[in-house]
Amino acid sequence: MFNIDVVVREYDVHVIVALRGELDMADAAEVSGALTAVAAGRQKTIVDLAGLVFVDCSGAAALVRAQRQVRRSGGNLLLAAPQPRVRRVFVLSHLINEVCLHASVEQAAGVCEFPGRASLF
């Protein structure tokens, strides 16, 4: 059972997956799988982290894992709008250089061909 809500919506030509709640070890694998499934066959999928109030290292690693899987299949999974405490987990766990991390959904929608670079932070 998820302690996190996963909401999928269309935005312009992109798909936005909004994560709301807490992402920890209990839901990490399921969320990674859900993100990979939603992104299948799409060139760009944006994960809106604005509603994510907590993430632990296993949750951050799950997001990185999903991003890698999507890249291997020819797509791009962009993380956007993290709250400061969520971004801090990426920094402290040294995963910050492993992800496309953008300040907003709008920014992620307009850019992103430079994986592994944090934007505007």
Protein backbone atom coordinates (compact mmCIF):
# COMPACT_ATOMS: atom_id res chain seq x y z
CA MET A 1 0.00 0.00 0.00
CA PHE A 2 1.40 3.37 -1.00
CA ASN A 3 2.14 6.08 1.58
CA ILE A 4 2.40 8.28 -1.46
CA ASP A 5 -0.05 9.42 -4.10
CA VAL A 6 1.00 9.08 -7.72
CA VAL A 7 -1.09 11.31 -10.01
CA VAL A 8 -0.56 11.25 -13.78
CA ARG A 9 -1.68 14.13 -16.02
CA GLU A 10 -0.95 15.59 -19.44
CA TYR A 11 0.86 18.94 -19.70
CA ASP A 12 1.33 20.31 -23.20
CA VAL A 13 3.05 17.42 -25.01
CA HIS A 14 4.51 15.97 -21.81
CA VAL A 15 3.26 13.63 -19.14
CA ILE A 16 3.55 14.88 -15.57
CA VAL A 17 3.65 12.44 -12.69
CA ALA A 18 3.02 14.23 -9.39
CA LEU A 19 4.27 12.53 -6.25
CA ARG A 20 2.55 13.57 -3.02
CA GLY A 21 3.34 12.34 0.46
CA GLU A 22 6.33 10.43 1.77
CA LEU A 23 8.61 8.25 -0.31
CA ASP A 24 10.60 5.80 1.75
CA MET A 25 11.79 2.21 1.67
CA ALA A 26 8.26 0.87 1.96
CA ASP A 27 7.15 2.32 -1.38
CA ALA A 28 10.43 2.88 -3.24
CA ALA A 29 10.30 -0.16 -5.52
CA GLU A 30 6.62 0.30 -6.39
CA VAL A 31 7.09 3.99 -7.20
CA SER A 32 10.14 3.25 -9.34
CA GLY A 33 8.14 0.65 -11.25
CA ALA A 34 5.16 2.96 -11.66
CA LEU A 35 7.35 5.76 -13.03
CA THR A 36 9.04 3.40 -15.45
CA ALA A 37 5.66 2.11 -16.66
CA VAL A 38 4.21 5.59 -17.16
CA ALA A 39 7.32 6.72 -19.06
CA ALA A 40 7.38 3.68 -21.36
CA GLY A 41 7.28 4.78 -24.98
CA ARG A 42 7.45 8.48 -24.16
CA GLN A 43 10.28 10.79 -25.04
CA LYS A 44 9.96 12.92 -21.91
CA THR A 45 8.19 12.37 -18.59
CA ILE A 46 8.35 14.93 -15.79
CA VAL A 47 8.09 13.94 -12.13
CA ASP A 48 6.65 16.80 -10.07
CA LEU A 49 8.18 16.54 -6.59
CA ALA A 50 6.49 19.67 -5.15
CA GLY A 51 4.07 17.57 -3.09
CA LEU A 52 6.73 15.20 -1.82
CA VAL A 53 7.17 16.19 1.82
CA PHE A 54 9.68 13.49 2.72
CA VAL A 55 12.09 11.21 0.94
CA ASP A 56 14.74 8.94 2.42
CA CYS A 57 17.84 7.62 0.66
CA SER A 58 16.02 4.56 -0.62
CA GLY A 59 13.31 6.76 -2.11
CA ALA A 60 15.86 9.04 -3.78
CA ALA A 61 17.72 5.98 -5.10
CA ALA A 62 14.44 4.64 -6.50
CA LEU A 63 13.95 7.87 -8.46
CA VAL A 64 17.49 7.59 -9.82
CA ARG A 65 16.88 3.93 -10.72
CA ALA A 66 13.68 4.82 -12.58
CA GLN A 67 15.48 7.61 -14.42
CA ARG A 68 18.23 5.21 -15.54
CA GLN A 69 15.73 2.60 -16.73
CA VAL A 70 13.80 5.19 -18.71
CA ARG A 71 17.02 6.46 -20.32
CA ARG A 72 18.01 2.93 -21.32
CA SER A 73 14.71 2.61 -23.17
CA GLY A 74 15.28 5.89 -25.03
CA GLY A 75 13.22 8.26 -22.90
CA ASN A 76 13.97 10.90 -20.33
CA LEU A 77 12.59 11.14 -16.79
CA LEU A 78 13.03 14.61 -15.33
CA LEU A 79 12.63 15.45 -11.65
CA ALA A 80 11.18 18.88 -10.94
CA ALA A 81 10.21 21.25 -8.13
CA PRO A 82 11.69 19.46 -5.11
CA GLN A 83 11.17 21.04 -1.71
CA PRO A 84 14.45 22.04 -0.02
CA ARG A 85 14.41 19.05 2.35
CA VAL A 86 13.90 16.65 -0.57
CA ARG A 87 16.70 18.25 -2.57
CA ARG A 88 18.91 18.00 0.50
CA VAL A 89 18.55 14.21 0.56
CA PHE A 90 19.84 14.10 -3.02
CA VAL A 91 22.78 16.30 -2.02
CA LEU A 92 23.64 14.39 1.17
CA SER A 93 23.35 11.01 -0.52
CA HIS A 94 25.55 12.18 -3.41
CA LEU A 95 22.78 11.39 -5.89
CA ILE A 96 22.46 15.02 -7.00
CA ASN A 97 24.83 14.46 -9.92
CA GLU A 98 22.93 11.38 -11.05
CA VAL A 99 19.64 13.11 -11.89
CA CYS A 100 18.08 15.79 -14.03
CA LEU A 101 16.72 18.02 -11.25
CA HIS A 102 14.85 21.19 -12.22
CA ALA A 103 13.46 24.07 -10.20
CA SER A 104 9.96 23.80 -11.70
CA VAL A 105 7.79 21.65 -13.93
CA GLU A 106 7.73 24.45 -16.49
CA GLN A 107 11.51 24.57 -16.58
CA ALA A 108 11.75 20.80 -17.00
CA ALA A 109 9.21 20.93 -19.83
CA GLY A 110 11.32 23.51 -21.66
CA VAL A 111 14.75 21.93 -21.29
CA CYS A 112 16.58 18.86 -20.47
CA GLU A 113 18.93 17.37 -22.76
CA PHE A 114 21.70 17.47 -20.16
CA PRO A 115 21.14 14.53 -17.80
CA GLY A 116 23.03 14.61 -14.56
CA ARG A 117 22.93 18.36 -14.13
CA ALA A 118 20.88 20.22 -11.57
CA SER A 119 19.26 23.36 -12.94
CA LEU A 120 18.82 26.69 -11.18
CA PHE A 121 19.77 25.53 -7.70
